[in-house]
Amino acid sequence: MATGWKPHAFRQFILKIHSRCDLACRHCYVYEMADQNWRNQPRRMSEAIAKKVAQRIGEHAMTHGLTEVDVILHGGEPLLAGPDFIAYVVRAIRREMDTGSAVNVSIQTNGMRLDEEFLKLFEQLGIRVGVSLDGDAVAHDRHRLFRDGRGSYDLVSDAIGRLSRSRYHGLFSGLLCTIDVRNDPLKTFEALLTFDPPAVDFLLPHGNWSTPPPFRDAGSSSTPYADWLIPIFDRWYRTAETEVRLFTEILRLITGRPSRSESIGLSPALLAVVETDGSIEQSDILKSAYHGASATPLHVLRDPFDAALRLPSLVARQIGIEALSPVCRECDVVTACGGGLYAHRYDENSGFRNPSVYCPDLYALVSHIHRVFAEDVARMRGNR
């Protein structure tokens, strides 16, 4: 354990309220990758487990003096849990928090069931809504399909329209887009902007050194993902039409501020996951590495969240640069890159103490953003 290290309290709680999905997306890390534990999970979290989760969150907040926590309702597809259960969970958590403490609730959905009933409920409870959309119809329907092979774009785009072009726009937290480098980057970005999203998250497809992501040859110096993202950055930097979280976080890091994302930078991991059966887990993205990678021996019925804070696997995600490989620690962009997403460092022979499988892409992207920003600062100083 790192010398002098003290655990950081969890501030974000991802609740897997439903463990199944109404789509069969080809790039899904929950169903299509290494960990298949979803098969053993109850379809929906029970009210008894939800009540205990709420108590544990309140307990953790009071123990650490937290005046604000983030709760993300997730799945599977969380809307399958139904409006009544979602209302029960949110109200239970807020009852367990100290008076005046904030519970910021959001839900990440594929949008298939996002109808007026849900939107009215989310408005009433102040639940912000993120939707997964991979670009235009062709881009989206490469992967986000029904089990019979039909695309989901038309239904999803209709749902986003209901959210973004109505009184509910204030609930809209943004779009999550998984990158496929076969799709034109600027065309993809423009398709997302059509819905006036407050933010866009570009997600690198999950993979690692043992199971490389698409079009990313482990050990190759090529940079297909940086090459895809850089044209979007150059447009975004000039126009700032919406927040692009990856770019915003990199700019924060190169100007000396901490990252607010686990995908970039050296900020400690502050999130805990609760599965539908009440198991306490680490980031569910670890499911892309190997079966059981996100699991812990803990359960909300018998364990507080504090019990997870000293698990070696969690400590490794809180101690920053000390957990990185020698290659990363000697890199000139390490404070911005941070070794990349923890799950992307995995190798079946050496564990997680490796650079990201996206190392060349991250280096190229961070270096480009730093160069553009530095030139901009130099220009402004020259005009004073």
Protein backbone atom coordinates (compact mmCIF):
# COMPACT_ATOMS: atom_id res chain seq x y z
CA MET A 1 0.00 0.00 0.00
CA ALA A 2 1.26 3.50 -0.79
CA THR A 3 3.10 5.22 2.06
CA GLY A 4 0.93 7.82 3.79
CA TRP A 5 -2.05 6.99 1.61
CA LYS A 6 -5.50 7.44 3.08
CA PRO A 7 -8.64 6.15 1.38
CA HIS A 8 -10.92 8.58 -0.42
CA ALA A 9 -14.63 8.19 0.26
CA PHE A 10 -16.91 7.06 -2.54
CA ARG A 11 -18.85 9.95 -4.02
CA GLN A 12 -20.49 8.14 -6.92
CA PHE A 13 -22.70 5.08 -6.64
CA ILE A 14 -23.70 3.11 -9.73
CA LEU A 15 -26.78 1.01 -9.03
CA LYS A 16 -27.50 -1.87 -11.40
CA ILE A 17 -31.23 -1.84 -10.91
CA HIS A 18 -31.95 -4.22 -13.82
CA SER A 19 -29.52 -6.80 -15.18
CA ARG A 20 -31.05 -7.50 -18.59
CA CYS A 21 -31.37 -5.40 -21.74
CA ASP A 22 -33.84 -5.05 -24.62
CA LEU A 23 -31.00 -4.61 -27.14
CA ALA A 24 -28.08 -6.86 -28.06
CA CYS A 25 -25.33 -4.33 -28.77
CA ARG A 26 -22.27 -5.95 -30.27
CA HIS A 27 -19.80 -3.81 -28.30
CA CYS A 28 -21.47 -4.20 -24.87
CA TYR A 29 -18.95 -4.98 -22.11
CA VAL A 30 -21.68 -6.36 -19.82
CA TYR A 31 -23.01 -9.09 -22.12
CA GLU A 32 -20.48 -9.56 -24.91
CA MET A 33 -17.12 -9.56 -23.15
CA ALA A 34 -15.17 -11.60 -20.60
CA ASP A 35 -17.36 -11.45 -17.49
CA GLN A 36 -20.68 -13.30 -17.84
CA ASN A 37 -21.87 -12.92 -14.25
CA TRP A 38 -25.00 -11.13 -15.47
CA ARG A 39 -26.41 -14.60 -16.11
CA ASN A 40 -26.39 -15.25 -12.34
CA GLN A 41 -27.94 -11.95 -11.31
CA PRO A 42 -31.62 -11.38 -10.48
CA ARG A 43 -33.31 -9.53 -13.31
CA ARG A 44 -34.32 -6.65 -11.05
CA MET A 45 -32.99 -5.39 -7.76
CA SER A 46 -35.47 -6.15 -4.97
CA GLU A 47 -37.00 -3.47 -2.77
CA ALA A 48 -35.24 -5.03 0.23
CA ILE A 49 -31.84 -4.67 -1.45
CA ALA A 50 -32.69 -1.16 -2.66
CA LYS A 51 -33.65 -0.12 0.87
CA LYS A 52 -30.36 -1.46 2.24
CA VAL A 53 -28.39 0.24 -0.52
CA ALA A 54 -30.04 3.53 0.44
CA GLN A 55 -29.08 2.99 4.09
CA ARG A 56 -25.49 2.17 3.14
CA ILE A 57 -25.17 5.29 0.99
CA GLY A 58 -26.56 7.45 3.81
CA GLU A 59 -24.22 5.74 6.28
CA HIS A 60 -21.20 6.34 4.04
CA ALA A 61 -22.13 9.98 3.50
CA MET A 62 -22.51 10.62 7.23
CA THR A 63 -19.30 8.76 8.12
CA HIS A 64 -17.28 10.93 5.74
CA GLY A 65 -19.20 14.19 6.08
CA LEU A 66 -20.32 14.20 2.46
CA THR A 67 -22.87 16.86 1.62
CA GLU A 68 -23.36 15.63 -1.94
CA VAL A 69 -23.31 12.26 -3.70
CA ASP A 70 -24.01 11.16 -7.25
CA VAL A 71 -26.23 8.15 -7.90
CA ILE A 72 -26.34 6.66 -11.39
CA LEU A 73 -29.12 4.20 -12.24
CA HIS A 74 -27.71 1.67 -14.65
CA GLY A 75 -28.14 -1.82 -16.05
CA GLY A 76 -28.53 -3.73 -18.28
CA GLU A 77 -31.24 -1.34 -19.25
CA PRO A 78 -32.45 0.51 -16.13
CA LEU A 79 -35.81 1.55 -17.58
CA LEU A 80 -36.79 -2.13 -17.57
CA ALA A 81 -37.03 -1.81 -13.77
CA GLY A 82 -40.16 0.31 -14.28
CA PRO A 83 -41.16 3.78 -13.08
CA ASP A 84 -42.50 2.65 -9.69
CA PHE A 85 -39.27 0.92 -8.71
CA ILE A 86 -37.11 3.81 -9.91
CA ALA A 87 -39.19 6.19 -7.81
CA TYR A 88 -38.85 3.86 -4.80
CA VAL A 89 -35.05 3.72 -5.08
CA VAL A 90 -34.55 7.46 -5.47
CA ARG A 91 -36.89 8.40 -2.62
CA ALA A 92 -35.33 5.77 -0.34
CA ILE A 93 -31.82 7.16 -0.89
CA ARG A 94 -32.88 10.75 -0.34
CA ARG A 95 -34.64 9.80 2.92
CA GLU A 96 -31.40 8.32 4.24
CA MET A 97 -29.31 11.43 3.62
CA ASP A 98 -28.85 14.22 6.16
CA THR A 99 -31.18 17.19 5.79
CA GLY A 100 -29.68 19.60 3.27
CA SER A 101 -27.44 16.98 1.65
CA ALA A 102 -27.80 16.58 -2.10
CA VAL A 103 -28.37 13.35 -4.00
CA ASN A 104 -27.75 14.01 -7.69
CA VAL A 105 -29.48 11.24 -9.61
CA SER A 106 -28.96 10.37 -13.25
CA ILE A 107 -29.89 7.43 -15.43
CA GLN A 108 -27.99 6.01 -18.41
CA THR A 109 -30.35 4.42 -20.92
CA ASN A 110 -30.48 3.10 -24.46
CA GLY A 111 -33.61 5.22 -24.81
CA MET A 112 -35.87 2.45 -26.10
CA ARG A 113 -38.49 2.93 -23.35
CA LEU A 114 -38.04 6.65 -22.71
CA ASP A 115 -41.66 7.69 -22.99
CA GLU A 116 -43.80 10.48 -21.51
CA GLU A 117 -44.47 8.52 -18.30
CA PHE A 118 -40.77 8.19 -17.54
CA LEU A 119 -40.04 11.79 -18.50
CA LYS A 120 -42.75 13.11 -16.18
CA LEU A 121 -41.35 10.99 -13.35
CA PHE A 122 -37.79 12.17 -14.01
CA GLU A 123 -38.98 15.77 -14.04
CA GLN A 124 -40.72 15.23 -10.71
CA LEU A 125 -37.68 13.58 -9.10
CA GLY A 126 -35.01 15.70 -10.80
CA ILE A 127 -33.35 12.75 -12.53
CA ARG A 128 -31.02 13.67 -15.37
CA VAL A 129 -30.96 11.43 -18.43
CA GLY A 130 -28.05 10.27 -20.57
CA VAL A 131 -28.73 8.31 -23.76
CA SER A 132 -26.45 6.08 -25.81
CA LEU A 133 -26.24 7.08 -29.49
CA ASP A 134 -23.39 6.26 -31.86
CA GLY A 135 -24.04 8.88 -34.56
CA ASP A 136 -26.35 8.75 -37.55
CA ALA A 137 -28.51 5.75 -38.48
CA VAL A 138 -25.73 3.89 -40.28
CA ALA A 139 -23.21 4.43 -37.47
CA HIS A 140 -25.65 3.64 -34.66
CA ASP A 141 -27.05 0.52 -36.29
CA ARG A 142 -23.62 -1.04 -36.81
CA HIS A 143 -23.76 -2.24 -33.21
CA ARG A 144 -26.90 -1.20 -31.31
CA LEU A 145 -29.26 -3.86 -32.58
CA PHE A 146 -32.23 -5.94 -31.49
CA ARG A 147 -31.58 -9.65 -31.11
CA ASP A 148 -33.16 -10.28 -34.50
CA GLY A 149 -30.64 -7.94 -36.15
CA ARG A 150 -32.91 -4.92 -36.61
CA GLY A 151 -31.39 -1.51 -35.94
CA SER A 152 -32.59 0.65 -33.07
CA TYR A 153 -31.76 4.12 -34.44
CA ASP A 154 -35.28 5.21 -35.35
CA LEU A 155 -36.73 4.40 -31.93
CA VAL A 156 -33.75 5.87 -30.07
CA SER A 157 -33.71 9.08 -32.09
CA ASP A 158 -37.45 9.52 -31.48
CA ALA A 159 -36.87 9.12 -27.74
CA ILE A 160 -34.01 11.63 -27.72
CA GLY A 161 -36.25 14.04 -29.60
CA ARG A 162 -38.87 13.73 -26.86
CA LEU A 163 -36.19 14.53 -24.31
CA SER A 164 -34.29 17.28 -26.11
CA ARG A 165 -37.03 19.16 -27.99
CA SER A 166 -39.52 19.71 -25.21
CA ARG A 167 -39.87 21.06 -21.70
CA TYR A 168 -37.73 18.12 -20.57
CA HIS A 169 -34.53 19.43 -22.15
CA GLY A 170 -33.29 20.49 -18.72
CA LEU A 171 -33.15 16.80 -17.74
CA PHE A 172 -30.88 15.95 -20.67
CA SER A 173 -27.35 15.23 -19.42
CA GLY A 174 -25.87 14.21 -22.76
CA LEU A 175 -25.10 11.51 -25.30
CA LEU A 176 -22.69 8.60 -24.97
CA CYS A 177 -21.10 7.57 -28.27
CA THR A 178 -18.93 4.46 -28.59
CA ILE A 179 -16.32 5.11 -31.26
CA ASP A 180 -16.16 3.00 -34.40
CA VAL A 181 -13.33 4.31 -36.55
CA ARG A 182 -15.15 3.15 -39.70
CA ASN A 183 -17.63 5.98 -39.16
CA ASP A 184 -16.66 9.43 -40.40
CA PRO A 185 -15.73 11.43 -37.25
CA LEU A 186 -17.13 14.83 -38.24
CA LYS A 187 -20.29 13.32 -39.69
CA THR A 188 -20.74 11.40 -36.44
CA PHE A 189 -20.23 14.54 -34.35
CA GLU A 190 -22.67 16.52 -36.48
CA ALA A 191 -25.28 13.76 -36.12
CA LEU A 192 -24.96 13.96 -32.33
CA LEU A 193 -25.16 17.77 -32.35
CA THR A 194 -28.51 17.54 -34.15
CA PHE A 195 -30.09 16.69 -30.79
CA ASP A 196 -28.60 19.71 -28.97
CA PRO A 197 -26.92 17.62 -26.27
CA PRO A 198 -25.48 19.48 -23.25
CA ALA A 199 -22.50 17.13 -23.45
CA VAL A 200 -21.07 14.30 -25.51
CA ASP A 201 -19.02 11.43 -24.13
CA PHE A 202 -16.87 9.60 -26.68
CA LEU A 203 -16.12 6.13 -25.38
CA LEU A 204 -13.15 4.09 -26.57
CA PRO A 205 -14.31 0.52 -27.23
CA HIS A 206 -13.30 -1.64 -24.30
CA GLY A 207 -10.37 -3.98 -24.75
CA ASN A 208 -6.95 -4.77 -23.33
CA TRP A 209 -3.57 -6.27 -24.22
CA SER A 210 -4.92 -9.83 -24.22
CA THR A 211 -8.12 -8.95 -26.09
CA PRO A 212 -7.34 -5.83 -28.13
CA PRO A 213 -10.18 -3.51 -29.13
CA PRO A 214 -11.25 -3.28 -32.80
CA PHE A 215 -8.66 -1.80 -35.16
CA ARG A 216 -6.15 -1.43 -32.31
CA ASP A 217 -3.27 -3.88 -32.74
CA ALA A 218 -1.57 -4.41 -29.40
CA GLY A 219 2.00 -3.13 -29.66
CA SER A 220 1.42 -1.18 -32.89
CA SER A 221 2.48 2.47 -33.03
CA SER A 222 -0.53 3.36 -35.20
CA THR A 223 -3.07 5.80 -33.79
CA PRO A 224 -6.47 5.10 -35.40
CA TYR A 225 -8.47 6.42 -32.45
CA ALA A 226 -6.45 9.62 -32.06
CA ASP A 227 -6.73 10.12 -35.82
CA TRP A 228 -10.52 9.83 -35.43
CA LEU A 229 -10.81 12.13 -32.41
CA ILE A 230 -8.42 14.91 -33.46
CA PRO A 231 -10.61 16.32 -36.29
CA ILE A 232 -13.51 16.49 -33.83
CA PHE A 233 -11.31 18.26 -31.27
CA ASP A 234 -10.11 20.81 -33.84
CA ARG A 235 -13.71 21.66 -34.77
CA TRP A 236 -14.91 21.62 -31.16
CA TYR A 237 -12.05 23.83 -29.97
CA ARG A 238 -13.04 26.52 -32.48
CA THR A 239 -16.79 26.35 -31.95
CA ALA A 240 -17.48 24.82 -28.48
CA GLU A 241 -20.95 23.80 -29.65
CA THR A 242 -21.33 21.53 -26.65
CA GLU A 243 -19.13 20.05 -23.96
CA VAL A 244 -17.08 17.06 -25.09
CA ARG A 245 -16.08 15.53 -21.79
CA LEU A 246 -12.91 13.78 -22.94
CA PHE A 247 -11.52 17.02 -24.39
CA THR A 248 -12.65 19.10 -21.41
CA GLU A 249 -10.95 16.72 -18.98
CA ILE A 250 -7.68 16.72 -20.93
CA LEU A 251 -7.69 20.53 -20.99
CA ARG A 252 -8.35 20.57 -17.24
CA LEU A 253 -5.40 18.26 -16.68
CA ILE A 254 -2.89 20.15 -18.83
CA THR A 255 -3.82 23.35 -16.99
CA GLY A 256 -3.13 21.75 -13.62
CA ARG A 257 -6.65 20.90 -12.49
CA PRO A 258 -7.79 17.40 -11.46
CA SER A 259 -9.73 15.09 -13.70
CA ARG A 260 -13.36 14.30 -12.91
CA SER A 261 -13.31 11.11 -14.98
CA GLU A 262 -11.88 7.64 -14.39
CA SER A 263 -10.88 7.39 -18.07
CA ILE A 264 -8.10 9.98 -17.97
CA GLY A 265 -5.74 11.55 -15.44
CA LEU A 266 -4.55 10.47 -11.99
CA SER A 267 -7.52 11.41 -9.82
CA PRO A 268 -8.53 8.63 -7.41
CA ALA A 269 -11.43 6.34 -8.30
CA LEU A 270 -14.40 7.43 -6.21
CA LEU A 271 -17.15 5.12 -7.46
CA ALA A 272 -18.74 1.94 -6.16
CA VAL A 273 -21.11 -0.34 -8.03
CA VAL A 274 -23.98 -2.35 -6.56
CA GLU A 275 -25.31 -5.26 -8.59
CA THR A 276 -28.96 -6.31 -8.62
CA ASP A 277 -28.29 -8.96 -5.94
CA GLY A 278 -26.67 -6.39 -3.62
CA SER A 279 -23.04 -7.34 -4.31
CA ILE A 280 -20.64 -4.41 -3.97
CA GLU A 281 -18.32 -4.24 -6.96
CA GLN A 282 -15.68 -2.03 -8.50
CA SER A 283 -16.14 -0.24 -11.81
CA ASP A 284 -18.27 -2.45 -14.03
CA ILE A 285 -16.00 -1.60 -16.97
CA LEU A 286 -13.57 -4.11 -15.46
CA LYS A 287 -15.95 -6.80 -16.70
CA SER A 288 -14.26 -6.33 -20.07
CA ALA A 289 -10.96 -7.70 -18.68
CA TYR A 290 -11.73 -11.15 -17.29
CA HIS A 291 -14.49 -13.02 -15.51
CA GLY A 292 -14.77 -11.74 -11.93
CA ALA A 293 -12.51 -8.72 -12.45
CA SER A 294 -14.97 -6.27 -10.88
CA ALA A 295 -16.10 -8.58 -8.07
CA THR A 296 -15.41 -8.14 -4.36
CA PRO A 297 -16.42 -10.37 -1.41
CA LEU A 298 -18.71 -7.61 -0.10
CA HIS A 299 -22.50 -7.34 0.02
CA VAL A 300 -24.72 -4.48 1.18
CA LEU A 301 -26.66 -6.73 3.58
CA ARG A 302 -23.55 -7.33 5.69
CA ASP A 303 -20.90 -4.80 4.66
CA PRO A 304 -20.62 -0.98 4.66
CA PHE A 305 -19.10 0.75 1.67
CA ASP A 306 -16.10 1.60 3.85
CA ALA A 307 -15.13 -2.08 3.73
CA ALA A 308 -14.35 -1.67 0.02
CA LEU A 309 -11.96 1.23 0.54
CA ARG A 310 -9.01 -0.95 1.60
CA LEU A 311 -9.38 -3.70 -0.96
CA PRO A 312 -6.02 -3.88 -2.82
CA SER A 313 -7.75 -3.63 -6.18
CA LEU A 314 -9.50 -0.42 -5.12
CA VAL A 315 -6.38 1.02 -3.52
CA ALA A 316 -4.57 0.57 -6.85
CA ARG A 317 -7.17 2.86 -8.43
CA GLN A 318 -6.76 5.54 -5.75
CA ILE A 319 -3.00 5.90 -5.30
CA GLY A 320 -2.37 7.60 -8.63
CA ILE A 321 1.06 7.46 -10.21
CA GLU A 322 2.37 4.84 -7.77
CA ALA A 323 0.10 2.23 -9.37
CA LEU A 324 1.36 2.90 -12.91
CA SER A 325 3.87 0.91 -14.92
CA PRO A 326 7.48 2.19 -15.22
CA VAL A 327 6.75 3.09 -18.86
CA CYS A 328 3.88 5.36 -17.81
CA ARG A 329 5.75 6.92 -14.90
CA GLU A 330 8.53 8.05 -17.24
CA CYS A 331 6.17 9.43 -19.90
CA ASP A 332 5.99 13.19 -20.48
CA VAL A 333 2.16 13.20 -20.69
CA VAL A 334 1.53 10.98 -17.66
CA THR A 335 -0.18 13.67 -15.56
CA ALA A 336 -2.77 14.14 -18.30
CA CYS A 337 -3.06 10.59 -19.60
CA GLY A 338 -2.82 8.92 -16.19
CA GLY A 339 -2.22 5.57 -17.83
CA GLY A 340 -5.68 5.64 -19.39
CA LEU A 341 -8.70 3.70 -18.19
CA TYR A 342 -7.68 1.04 -15.67
CA ALA A 343 -9.47 -1.79 -17.50
CA HIS A 344 -7.59 -1.02 -20.71
CA ARG A 345 -4.24 -1.78 -19.02
CA TYR A 346 -4.97 -5.44 -18.39
CA ASP A 347 -2.79 -8.28 -19.66
CA GLU A 348 -3.51 -11.86 -18.67
CA ASN A 349 0.18 -12.42 -17.91
CA SER A 350 1.03 -9.23 -16.02
CA GLY A 351 -2.25 -7.88 -14.63
CA PHE A 352 -2.99 -4.16 -14.72
CA ARG A 353 0.51 -2.71 -14.27
CA ASN A 354 0.86 -1.82 -17.94
CA PRO A 355 0.25 1.20 -20.15
CA SER A 356 -3.18 1.38 -21.74
CA VAL A 357 -3.65 -0.71 -24.85
CA TYR A 358 -4.54 2.70 -26.33
CA CYS A 359 -1.18 4.20 -25.31
CA PRO A 360 -0.16 5.52 -28.78
CA ASP A 361 -3.63 7.01 -29.33
CA LEU A 362 -3.71 8.68 -25.91
CA TYR A 363 -0.19 10.07 -26.36
CA ALA A 364 -1.05 11.49 -29.79
CA LEU A 365 -4.36 12.97 -28.63
CA VAL A 366 -2.99 14.56 -25.44
CA SER A 367 0.04 15.92 -27.29
CA HIS A 368 -2.15 17.45 -30.00
CA ILE A 369 -4.48 19.10 -27.50
CA HIS A 370 -1.53 20.41 -25.49
CA ARG A 371 0.10 21.84 -28.60
CA VAL A 372 -3.08 23.56 -29.81
CA PHE A 373 -3.74 25.00 -26.36
CA ALA A 374 -0.13 26.16 -25.90
CA GLU A 375 -0.15 27.90 -29.29
CA ASP A 376 -3.42 29.60 -28.36
CA VAL A 377 -2.00 30.84 -25.04
CA ALA A 378 1.17 32.08 -26.77
CA ARG A 379 -0.94 33.95 -29.32
CA MET A 380 -3.01 35.62 -26.61
CA ARG A 381 0.09 36.65 -24.70
CA GLY A 382 1.59 38.10 -27.88
CA ASN A 383 -1.52 40.22 -28.42
CA ARG A 384 -1.43 41.82 -24.99
